[in-house]
Amino acid sequence: MTISLSDVEQAAHLARIGLDPAQLDHHLADLQQILTLVEQINAVDTDGIEPLSNPLDAVQRMRDDQVTETNQRDQFQPLSAATEDAHYLVPRVIE
């Protein structure tokens, strides 16, 4: 895939990034290298290969959930700006 200077300028405009016109050629070359790498990655045949969550095929150790903290609500709620029925009250953010 090839891109032009106008593509770089348009992408910069859409991203609201101010680019120095003297650096446009440099940015164009960088983006061309990135797109070339993406094309190389897309060309790799991955048929029959299952995705991995861990490249070492390690298994996570399981442990029992244990409470390690004590309930300190009665100590923390007096420090809050507002509470009601043991709940913290916060200002409305979305109108």
N, C-alpha and C. Protein backbone atom coordinates (compact mmCIF):
# COMPACT_ATOMS: atom_id res chain seq x y z
N MET A 1 0.85 -1.17 0.00
CA MET A 1 0.00 0.00 0.00
C MET A 1 0.90 1.24 0.00
N THR A 2 0.58 2.16 -0.81
CA THR A 2 1.35 3.39 -0.86
C THR A 2 0.49 4.55 -0.40
N ILE A 3 1.13 5.51 0.21
CA ILE A 3 0.43 6.70 0.65
C ILE A 3 1.17 7.92 0.10
N SER A 4 0.47 9.01 0.05
CA SER A 4 1.06 10.23 -0.51
C SER A 4 1.18 11.28 0.59
N LEU A 5 1.83 12.37 0.26
CA LEU A 5 1.96 13.47 1.22
C LEU A 5 0.58 14.01 1.61
N SER A 6 -0.34 14.04 0.66
CA SER A 6 -1.69 14.53 1.00
C SER A 6 -2.38 13.60 1.99
N ASP A 7 -2.10 12.28 1.92
CA ASP A 7 -2.67 11.34 2.90
C ASP A 7 -2.12 11.63 4.29
N VAL A 8 -0.81 11.91 4.36
CA VAL A 8 -0.19 12.23 5.66
C VAL A 8 -0.77 13.52 6.21
N GLU A 9 -0.93 14.53 5.36
CA GLU A 9 -1.50 15.79 5.80
C GLU A 9 -2.94 15.62 6.28
N GLN A 10 -3.72 14.80 5.56
CA GLN A 10 -5.11 14.58 5.95
C GLN A 10 -5.19 13.82 7.27
N ALA A 11 -4.35 12.80 7.44
CA ALA A 11 -4.34 12.05 8.70
C ALA A 11 -3.94 12.95 9.86
N ALA A 12 -2.97 13.81 9.64
CA ALA A 12 -2.55 14.75 10.69
C ALA A 12 -3.68 15.72 11.03
N HIS A 13 -4.39 16.17 10.00
CA HIS A 13 -5.52 17.08 10.23
C HIS A 13 -6.61 16.38 11.05
N LEU A 14 -6.96 15.16 10.66
CA LEU A 14 -8.01 14.42 11.37
C LEU A 14 -7.61 14.13 12.81
N ALA A 15 -6.32 13.88 13.05
CA ALA A 15 -5.83 13.60 14.39
C ALA A 15 -5.52 14.87 15.16
N ARG A 16 -5.71 16.01 14.51
CA ARG A 16 -5.41 17.31 15.11
C ARG A 16 -3.96 17.39 15.58
N ILE A 17 -3.06 16.91 14.71
CA ILE A 17 -1.63 16.94 14.99
C ILE A 17 -0.99 17.98 14.07
N GLY A 18 -0.26 18.89 14.65
CA GLY A 18 0.42 19.88 13.85
C GLY A 18 1.76 19.33 13.37
N LEU A 19 1.93 19.24 12.07
CA LEU A 19 3.17 18.73 11.50
C LEU A 19 3.93 19.87 10.84
N ASP A 20 5.23 19.88 11.06
CA ASP A 20 6.10 20.84 10.39
C ASP A 20 6.20 20.43 8.92
N PRO A 21 5.89 21.33 8.00
CA PRO A 21 5.96 20.96 6.58
C PRO A 21 7.32 20.44 6.14
N ALA A 22 8.38 20.88 6.81
CA ALA A 22 9.72 20.39 6.47
C ALA A 22 9.90 18.93 6.87
N GLN A 23 9.09 18.44 7.79
CA GLN A 23 9.21 17.07 8.27
C GLN A 23 8.25 16.10 7.59
N LEU A 24 7.42 16.57 6.68
CA LEU A 24 6.42 15.71 6.03
C LEU A 24 7.06 14.53 5.31
N ASP A 25 8.17 14.76 4.63
CA ASP A 25 8.84 13.65 3.94
C ASP A 25 9.31 12.58 4.92
N HIS A 26 9.80 13.02 6.07
CA HIS A 26 10.25 12.08 7.11
C HIS A 26 9.08 11.24 7.63
N HIS A 27 7.96 11.91 7.89
CA HIS A 27 6.77 11.19 8.39
C HIS A 27 6.22 10.24 7.32
N LEU A 28 6.26 10.67 6.08
CA LEU A 28 5.81 9.81 4.99
C LEU A 28 6.67 8.55 4.91
N ALA A 29 7.98 8.70 5.03
CA ALA A 29 8.87 7.53 4.98
C ALA A 29 8.60 6.59 6.16
N ASP A 30 8.38 7.16 7.36
CA ASP A 30 8.08 6.32 8.53
C ASP A 30 6.79 5.54 8.33
N LEU A 31 5.76 6.22 7.84
CA LEU A 31 4.49 5.54 7.63
C LEU A 31 4.60 4.47 6.55
N GLN A 32 5.38 4.71 5.51
CA GLN A 32 5.60 3.71 4.47
C GLN A 32 6.26 2.46 5.07
N GLN A 33 7.25 2.66 5.96
CA GLN A 33 7.91 1.52 6.60
C GLN A 33 6.92 0.74 7.46
N ILE A 34 6.06 1.44 8.18
CA ILE A 34 5.07 0.77 9.02
C ILE A 34 4.11 -0.05 8.15
N LEU A 35 3.63 0.54 7.07
CA LEU A 35 2.71 -0.18 6.19
C LEU A 35 3.38 -1.38 5.52
N THR A 36 4.65 -1.26 5.19
CA THR A 36 5.39 -2.38 4.61
C THR A 36 5.49 -3.51 5.63
N LEU A 37 5.76 -3.17 6.88
CA LEU A 37 5.82 -4.19 7.93
C LEU A 37 4.47 -4.87 8.12
N VAL A 38 3.39 -4.10 8.09
CA VAL A 38 2.05 -4.68 8.24
C VAL A 38 1.76 -5.63 7.08
N GLU A 39 2.14 -5.26 5.88
CA GLU A 39 1.94 -6.14 4.73
C GLU A 39 2.73 -7.44 4.89
N GLN A 40 3.94 -7.36 5.41
CA GLN A 40 4.75 -8.57 5.65
C GLN A 40 4.09 -9.46 6.69
N ILE A 41 3.57 -8.86 7.74
CA ILE A 41 2.90 -9.64 8.79
C ILE A 41 1.64 -10.30 8.23
N ASN A 42 0.89 -9.57 7.43
CA ASN A 42 -0.33 -10.13 6.84
C ASN A 42 -0.04 -11.25 5.85
N ALA A 43 1.16 -11.27 5.27
CA ALA A 43 1.51 -12.29 4.30
C ALA A 43 1.88 -13.62 4.96
N VAL A 44 2.10 -13.65 6.25
CA VAL A 44 2.48 -14.88 6.94
C VAL A 44 1.29 -15.83 6.97
N ASP A 45 1.53 -17.09 6.61
CA ASP A 45 0.48 -18.10 6.61
C ASP A 45 0.25 -18.59 8.03
N THR A 46 -0.92 -18.31 8.58
CA THR A 46 -1.23 -18.71 9.95
C THR A 46 -2.34 -19.77 10.00
N ASP A 47 -2.62 -20.40 8.88
CA ASP A 47 -3.64 -21.45 8.87
C ASP A 47 -3.19 -22.61 9.75
N GLY A 48 -4.09 -23.08 10.59
CA GLY A 48 -3.79 -24.21 11.45
C GLY A 48 -3.03 -23.85 12.71
N ILE A 49 -2.79 -22.59 12.94
CA ILE A 49 -2.09 -22.16 14.15
C ILE A 49 -3.11 -21.56 15.10
N GLU A 50 -3.18 -22.12 16.30
CA GLU A 50 -4.13 -21.63 17.29
C GLU A 50 -3.53 -20.45 18.05
N PRO A 51 -4.34 -19.46 18.37
CA PRO A 51 -3.83 -18.32 19.12
C PRO A 51 -3.41 -18.73 20.52
N LEU A 52 -2.42 -18.05 21.05
CA LEU A 52 -1.92 -18.32 22.39
C LEU A 52 -2.20 -17.13 23.29
N SER A 53 -2.53 -17.42 24.53
CA SER A 53 -2.65 -16.34 25.50
C SER A 53 -1.30 -16.10 26.16
N ASN A 54 -0.43 -17.09 26.07
CA ASN A 54 0.90 -16.99 26.65
C ASN A 54 1.86 -17.75 25.74
N PRO A 55 2.93 -17.13 25.28
CA PRO A 55 3.81 -17.82 24.34
C PRO A 55 4.54 -19.01 24.96
N LEU A 56 4.57 -19.09 26.26
CA LEU A 56 5.25 -20.20 26.93
C LEU A 56 4.28 -21.33 27.28
N ASP A 57 3.01 -21.16 26.92
CA ASP A 57 1.97 -22.13 27.27
C ASP A 57 1.94 -22.42 28.77
N ALA A 58 2.21 -21.41 29.55
CA ALA A 58 2.21 -21.55 31.01
C ALA A 58 0.78 -21.59 31.52
N VAL A 59 0.61 -22.27 32.62
CA VAL A 59 -0.70 -22.36 33.27
C VAL A 59 -0.67 -21.49 34.52
N GLN A 60 -1.70 -20.70 34.68
CA GLN A 60 -1.76 -19.84 35.84
C GLN A 60 -2.00 -20.66 37.11
N ARG A 61 -1.25 -20.33 38.14
CA ARG A 61 -1.47 -21.01 39.42
C ARG A 61 -2.74 -20.47 40.05
N MET A 62 -3.55 -21.33 40.56
CA MET A 62 -4.79 -20.91 41.21
C MET A 62 -4.58 -20.88 42.71
N ARG A 63 -5.21 -19.93 43.35
CA ARG A 63 -5.15 -19.85 44.81
C ARG A 63 -6.54 -19.53 45.33
N ASP A 64 -6.76 -19.85 46.56
CA ASP A 64 -8.05 -19.54 47.18
C ASP A 64 -8.16 -18.04 47.41
N ASP A 65 -9.35 -17.51 47.18
CA ASP A 65 -9.59 -16.10 47.50
C ASP A 65 -9.71 -15.96 49.00
N GLN A 66 -8.89 -15.13 49.56
CA GLN A 66 -8.91 -14.91 51.00
C GLN A 66 -8.97 -13.42 51.27
N VAL A 67 -9.79 -13.04 52.22
CA VAL A 67 -9.89 -11.65 52.62
C VAL A 67 -8.65 -11.30 53.43
N THR A 68 -7.93 -10.28 52.99
CA THR A 68 -6.72 -9.88 53.71
C THR A 68 -6.87 -8.50 54.35
N GLU A 69 -7.95 -7.80 54.03
CA GLU A 69 -8.19 -6.48 54.60
C GLU A 69 -9.41 -6.54 55.51
N THR A 70 -9.39 -5.74 56.53
CA THR A 70 -10.55 -5.66 57.40
C THR A 70 -11.45 -4.51 56.92
N ASN A 71 -12.71 -4.57 57.28
CA ASN A 71 -13.66 -3.54 56.90
C ASN A 71 -13.37 -2.28 57.72
N GLN A 72 -12.97 -1.20 57.04
CA GLN A 72 -12.64 0.05 57.72
C GLN A 72 -13.57 1.18 57.29
N ARG A 73 -14.76 0.81 56.86
CA ARG A 73 -15.72 1.80 56.36
C ARG A 73 -16.02 2.86 57.42
N ASP A 74 -16.20 2.45 58.67
CA ASP A 74 -16.54 3.40 59.72
C ASP A 74 -15.44 4.43 59.94
N GLN A 75 -14.21 4.08 59.62
CA GLN A 75 -13.10 5.03 59.77
C GLN A 75 -12.97 5.94 58.55
N PHE A 76 -13.31 5.44 57.37
CA PHE A 76 -13.12 6.22 56.15
C PHE A 76 -14.31 7.11 55.82
N GLN A 77 -15.52 6.71 56.16
CA GLN A 77 -16.69 7.50 55.75
C GLN A 77 -16.73 8.89 56.38
N PRO A 78 -16.28 9.08 57.60
CA PRO A 78 -16.28 10.46 58.12
C PRO A 78 -15.36 11.40 57.33
N LEU A 79 -14.40 10.85 56.60
CA LEU A 79 -13.50 11.67 55.80
C LEU A 79 -14.13 12.07 54.46
N SER A 80 -15.22 11.42 54.08
CA SER A 80 -15.87 11.68 52.80
C SER A 80 -16.71 12.96 52.86
N ALA A 81 -16.89 13.56 51.70
CA ALA A 81 -17.68 14.79 51.63
C ALA A 81 -19.15 14.52 51.95
N ALA A 82 -19.68 13.38 51.49
CA ALA A 82 -21.09 13.08 51.73
C ALA A 82 -21.32 11.57 51.71
N THR A 83 -22.14 11.10 52.67
CA THR A 83 -22.51 9.69 52.71
C THR A 83 -24.00 9.60 53.06
N GLU A 84 -24.55 8.44 52.71
CA GLU A 84 -25.95 8.19 53.05
C GLU A 84 -26.16 6.69 53.13
N ASP A 85 -26.69 6.21 54.23
CA ASP A 85 -26.95 4.78 54.44
C ASP A 85 -25.72 3.93 54.14
N ALA A 86 -24.56 4.35 54.63
CA ALA A 86 -23.29 3.63 54.48
C ALA A 86 -22.78 3.59 53.04
N HIS A 87 -23.27 4.52 52.20
CA HIS A 87 -22.80 4.63 50.81
C HIS A 87 -22.16 6.01 50.63
N TYR A 88 -21.14 6.05 49.78
CA TYR A 88 -20.52 7.34 49.44
C TYR A 88 -21.37 8.03 48.40
N LEU A 89 -21.58 9.31 48.54
CA LEU A 89 -22.32 10.11 47.57
C LEU A 89 -21.30 10.93 46.79
N VAL A 90 -21.43 10.89 45.47
CA VAL A 90 -20.50 11.62 44.60
C VAL A 90 -21.30 12.55 43.72
N PRO A 91 -20.69 13.65 43.25
CA PRO A 91 -21.40 14.57 42.36
C PRO A 91 -21.76 13.89 41.04
N ARG A 92 -22.88 14.31 40.48
CA ARG A 92 -23.32 13.78 39.20
C ARG A 92 -22.35 14.24 38.11
N VAL A 93 -21.90 13.32 37.26
CA VAL A 93 -20.93 13.64 36.22
C VAL A 93 -21.62 13.77 34.87
N ILE A 94 -22.56 12.91 34.59
CA ILE A 94 -23.25 12.91 33.30
C ILE A 94 -24.63 13.51 33.48
N GLU A 95 -24.94 14.44 32.61
CA GLU A 95 -26.26 15.06 32.72
C GLU A 95 -27.16 14.58 31.62
